[in-house]
Amino acid sequence: MFENKILNRLTQTHIATPIVIFLVYAAALLWYTAVKTDITFLVVVGLFFAGTLGFTFMEYIVHRWVYHPPHGASDKYKEVTYNMHGFHHDYPKDKKRLAMPPILAVIISTILLFLFELILQQYAFAYLAGFVTGYAMYLVVHYTVHMYAPPRNFLKALWVNHSIHHYSENEILFGVSQPLWDYVFGTIPKTEKDKKLAVEIGG
C-alpha cells in the first residue's frame, strides 16, 4: 500500500485488536457513568442503544459520502480516499486491512469523547459506549462477510448486500452492519442486474 515499510505496517492490524480495544473502552465508559454520574439505569440503556444507532448512521454517511468520492472530486481527494477505502475494494480479502489502524481509531475516539461531552455533558459517556460498541460490531460483521461463507439464515442478507456493493455496483448498499439507512436513503438494489445478482448470491 505504501513504499515506506513503517507507514505500510501501521496500516495493518489484526481484527481482534481494535475490537478488544473498543469493547474495553465501552465498558470503562459505562463504569464511569455508573460511578461518576447520577443517571438512572434505564436512561443509560437508552443512551447506549442511541449511540449504537448513531454509529450505524455514521457508518452509512462516511461510507457513502467520504469513502466513495463524489463525481468531480479532485485527484488529491481521490488519492486520500483510495488509501482509506479504495484499496479495500481492490483487495477485499486482505484481512489485515479490514479495520481502521488502532492508533488512528483511538485518536478519533478521543476526539469524539470531547465532542460528545461538549454537546451531551454527563450523558456523553453512555452514548459513546454504545457508539464504539457499534463500531466493534461493525468490524465483526465486516470481517466475517469477507472471510467466511454466508450462513443459511436471515443473516445471509449481509453477505449478499456487501457482495453486490463490492462486485456489482459500488454506489448502492453502503450499510455493512445493517441495511437500515440504505432503505431510508433509497440505496438498495433497483436495477434488474443487481436484483438478479442478489438472487444468485443468496442462492
Protein backbone atom coordinates (compact mmCIF):
# COMPACT_ATOMS: atom_id res chain seq x y z
CA MET A 1 0.00 0.00 0.00
CA PHE A 2 2.93 2.34 0.83
CA GLU A 3 6.58 2.10 -0.18
CA ASN A 4 7.65 3.16 3.32
CA LYS A 5 7.74 -0.08 5.34
CA ILE A 6 6.94 1.58 8.67
CA LEU A 7 3.99 3.50 7.26
CA ASN A 8 2.80 0.41 5.45
CA ARG A 9 2.96 -1.64 8.68
CA LEU A 10 0.91 0.98 10.54
CA THR A 11 -1.97 0.41 8.10
CA GLN A 12 -2.20 -3.26 9.08
CA THR A 13 -3.85 -4.70 12.16
CA HIS A 14 -5.23 -7.99 13.43
CA ILE A 15 -9.01 -7.67 13.51
CA ALA A 16 -9.18 -8.66 17.20
CA THR A 17 -7.04 -5.71 18.30
CA PRO A 18 -9.48 -2.84 17.65
CA ILE A 19 -12.48 -4.97 18.67
CA VAL A 20 -10.96 -5.64 22.11
CA ILE A 21 -9.83 -2.02 22.47
CA PHE A 22 -13.30 -0.63 21.81
CA LEU A 23 -15.19 -3.15 23.93
CA VAL A 24 -12.87 -2.40 26.87
CA TYR A 25 -13.28 1.33 26.18
CA ALA A 26 -17.08 0.92 26.15
CA ALA A 27 -17.00 -0.96 29.46
CA ALA A 28 -14.84 1.78 31.01
CA LEU A 29 -17.25 4.47 29.80
CA LEU A 30 -20.22 2.63 31.31
CA TRP A 31 -18.33 2.15 34.58
CA TYR A 32 -17.53 5.86 34.66
CA THR A 33 -21.19 6.68 34.03
CA ALA A 34 -22.29 4.45 36.90
CA VAL A 35 -19.71 5.81 39.35
CA LYS A 36 -19.45 9.49 38.43
CA THR A 37 -22.97 10.43 37.35
CA ASP A 38 -26.48 10.15 38.77
CA ILE A 39 -28.04 8.92 35.51
CA THR A 40 -30.59 6.15 36.02
CA PHE A 41 -30.06 2.66 34.64
CA LEU A 42 -32.88 2.93 32.09
CA VAL A 43 -31.50 6.21 30.76
CA VAL A 44 -28.05 4.64 30.44
CA VAL A 45 -29.53 1.75 28.47
CA GLY A 46 -31.39 4.21 26.23
CA LEU A 47 -28.25 6.28 25.65
CA PHE A 48 -26.23 3.15 24.89
CA PHE A 49 -28.62 1.97 22.19
CA ALA A 50 -28.97 5.52 20.86
CA GLY A 51 -25.19 5.56 20.49
CA THR A 52 -25.24 2.24 18.65
CA LEU A 53 -27.90 3.57 16.28
CA GLY A 54 -25.88 6.76 15.90
CA PHE A 55 -22.88 4.71 14.81
CA THR A 56 -24.89 2.91 12.12
CA PHE A 57 -25.89 6.30 10.73
CA MET A 58 -22.26 7.49 10.80
CA GLU A 59 -21.18 4.21 9.17
CA TYR A 60 -23.53 4.91 6.26
CA ILE A 61 -22.63 8.60 5.94
CA VAL A 62 -18.87 8.03 5.95
CA HIS A 63 -19.03 5.02 3.63
CA ARG A 64 -21.24 6.78 1.12
CA TRP A 65 -20.01 10.38 1.07
CA VAL A 66 -16.43 10.19 2.36
CA TYR A 67 -15.04 6.83 1.26
CA HIS A 68 -16.66 6.98 -2.19
CA PRO A 69 -15.57 10.26 -3.82
CA PRO A 70 -18.34 12.28 -5.47
CA HIS A 71 -18.15 12.99 -9.19
CA GLY A 72 -15.82 15.91 -9.86
CA ALA A 73 -13.68 15.30 -6.77
CA SER A 74 -10.05 16.40 -7.01
CA ASP A 75 -7.27 13.92 -7.73
CA LYS A 76 -5.83 14.56 -4.25
CA TYR A 77 -9.17 13.76 -2.61
CA LYS A 78 -9.43 10.58 -4.68
CA GLU A 79 -5.90 9.60 -3.62
CA VAL A 80 -6.72 10.10 0.06
CA THR A 81 -9.99 8.17 -0.13
CA TYR A 82 -8.29 5.40 -2.09
CA ASN A 83 -5.82 4.93 0.75
CA MET A 84 -8.70 4.96 3.26
CA HIS A 85 -11.11 2.71 1.39
CA GLY A 86 -10.43 2.24 -2.33
CA PHE A 87 -7.55 -0.12 -1.57
CA HIS A 88 -10.04 -2.32 0.25
CA HIS A 89 -12.21 -2.52 -2.87
CA ASP A 90 -9.19 -3.62 -4.91
CA TYR A 91 -8.07 -6.15 -2.27
CA PRO A 92 -11.22 -7.13 -0.33
CA LYS A 93 -9.62 -10.30 1.08
CA ASP A 94 -6.67 -8.50 2.71
CA LYS A 95 -7.66 -9.40 6.28
CA LYS A 96 -5.03 -7.16 7.86
CA ARG A 97 -6.72 -4.09 6.38
CA LEU A 98 -10.34 -4.73 7.27
CA ALA A 99 -10.20 -2.36 10.26
CA MET A 100 -9.03 1.16 10.96
CA PRO A 101 -5.48 1.12 12.43
CA PRO A 102 -5.74 1.19 16.26
CA ILE A 103 -3.70 4.39 16.65
CA LEU A 104 -6.00 6.33 14.33
CA ALA A 105 -9.09 4.76 15.88
CA VAL A 106 -8.02 5.78 19.41
CA ILE A 107 -7.32 9.34 18.25
CA ILE A 108 -10.75 9.61 16.62
CA SER A 109 -12.46 8.09 19.67
CA THR A 110 -10.75 10.63 21.94
CA ILE A 111 -11.90 13.48 19.73
CA LEU A 112 -15.44 12.07 19.78
CA LEU A 113 -15.34 11.88 23.57
CA PHE A 114 -14.56 15.60 23.86
CA LEU A 115 -17.11 16.45 21.16
CA PHE A 116 -19.92 14.36 22.68
CA GLU A 117 -19.12 15.63 26.19
CA LEU A 118 -19.32 19.21 24.95
CA ILE A 119 -22.78 18.54 23.49
CA LEU A 120 -24.25 15.89 25.82
CA GLN A 121 -22.30 16.61 29.02
CA GLN A 122 -22.69 13.71 31.52
CA TYR A 123 -24.80 11.75 29.03
CA ALA A 124 -21.88 11.55 26.60
CA PHE A 125 -20.14 8.58 28.21
CA ALA A 126 -23.00 6.08 27.89
CA TYR A 127 -23.78 7.36 24.38
CA LEU A 128 -20.15 6.96 23.30
CA ALA A 129 -20.07 3.48 24.85
CA GLY A 130 -22.87 2.47 22.50
CA PHE A 131 -21.20 4.25 19.60
CA VAL A 132 -17.86 2.42 19.92
CA THR A 133 -19.65 -0.88 20.59
CA GLY A 134 -21.46 -0.28 17.30
CA TYR A 135 -18.08 0.12 15.62
CA ALA A 136 -16.78 -3.09 17.23
CA MET A 137 -19.86 -4.96 15.98
CA TYR A 138 -19.38 -3.42 12.52
CA LEU A 139 -15.81 -4.78 12.49
CA VAL A 140 -17.06 -8.25 13.42
CA VAL A 141 -19.63 -8.20 10.61
CA HIS A 142 -17.27 -6.71 8.01
CA TYR A 143 -14.50 -9.21 8.75
CA THR A 144 -16.92 -12.13 8.81
CA VAL A 145 -18.62 -11.35 5.49
CA HIS A 146 -15.23 -11.12 3.78
CA MET A 147 -13.54 -14.10 5.38
CA TYR A 148 -16.29 -16.70 5.80
CA ALA A 149 -19.04 -18.32 3.74
CA PRO A 150 -22.55 -16.96 4.37
CA PRO A 151 -24.77 -18.77 6.87
CA ARG A 152 -28.08 -20.37 5.95
CA ASN A 153 -30.27 -17.96 7.89
CA PHE A 154 -31.53 -14.37 7.75
CA LEU A 155 -28.00 -13.00 8.33
CA LYS A 156 -27.10 -14.16 4.81
CA ALA A 157 -28.56 -10.86 3.58
CA LEU A 158 -25.50 -9.05 4.95
CA TRP A 159 -23.21 -11.20 2.75
CA VAL A 160 -25.46 -10.62 -0.27
CA ASN A 161 -25.61 -6.85 0.19
CA HIS A 162 -21.89 -6.41 0.67
CA SER A 163 -21.07 -8.66 -2.28
CA ILE A 164 -23.26 -6.52 -4.55
CA HIS A 165 -21.55 -3.38 -3.25
CA HIS A 166 -18.10 -4.81 -3.95
CA TYR A 167 -18.59 -6.75 -7.15
CA SER A 168 -21.53 -5.22 -8.99
CA GLU A 169 -22.38 -1.61 -8.13
CA ASN A 170 -20.44 0.36 -5.54
CA GLU A 171 -22.95 3.22 -5.49
CA ILE A 172 -25.55 1.25 -3.54
CA LEU A 173 -25.74 -0.74 -0.28
CA PHE A 174 -23.40 1.34 1.88
CA GLY A 175 -24.59 -0.20 5.14
CA VAL A 176 -22.34 -3.07 6.19
CA SER A 177 -23.53 -3.99 9.66
CA GLN A 178 -27.19 -3.46 8.70
CA PRO A 179 -29.28 -2.22 5.73
CA LEU A 180 -31.42 0.29 7.69
CA TRP A 181 -30.06 3.51 6.22
CA ASP A 182 -29.94 2.07 2.69
CA TYR A 183 -33.72 1.73 2.93
CA VAL A 184 -34.04 5.24 4.41
CA PHE A 185 -31.91 6.86 1.68
CA GLY A 186 -33.03 4.60 -1.17
CA THR A 187 -29.66 2.98 -1.94
CA ILE A 188 -30.98 -0.55 -2.20
CA PRO A 189 -30.70 -2.62 -5.43
CA LYS A 190 -33.00 -1.20 -8.11
CA THR A 191 -31.69 -2.47 -11.44
CA GLU A 192 -32.60 -5.90 -12.77
CA LYS A 193 -28.88 -6.72 -12.85
CA ASP A 194 -28.47 -6.12 -9.12
CA LYS A 195 -31.72 -7.86 -8.21
CA LYS A 196 -30.64 -10.89 -10.25
CA LEU A 197 -27.22 -10.91 -8.61
CA ALA A 198 -28.86 -10.74 -5.18
CA VAL A 199 -30.88 -13.84 -6.01
CA GLU A 200 -27.81 -15.66 -7.38
CA ILE A 201 -25.66 -14.87 -4.33
CA GLY A 202 -28.50 -15.59 -1.96
CA GLY A 203 -29.00 -18.99 -3.52
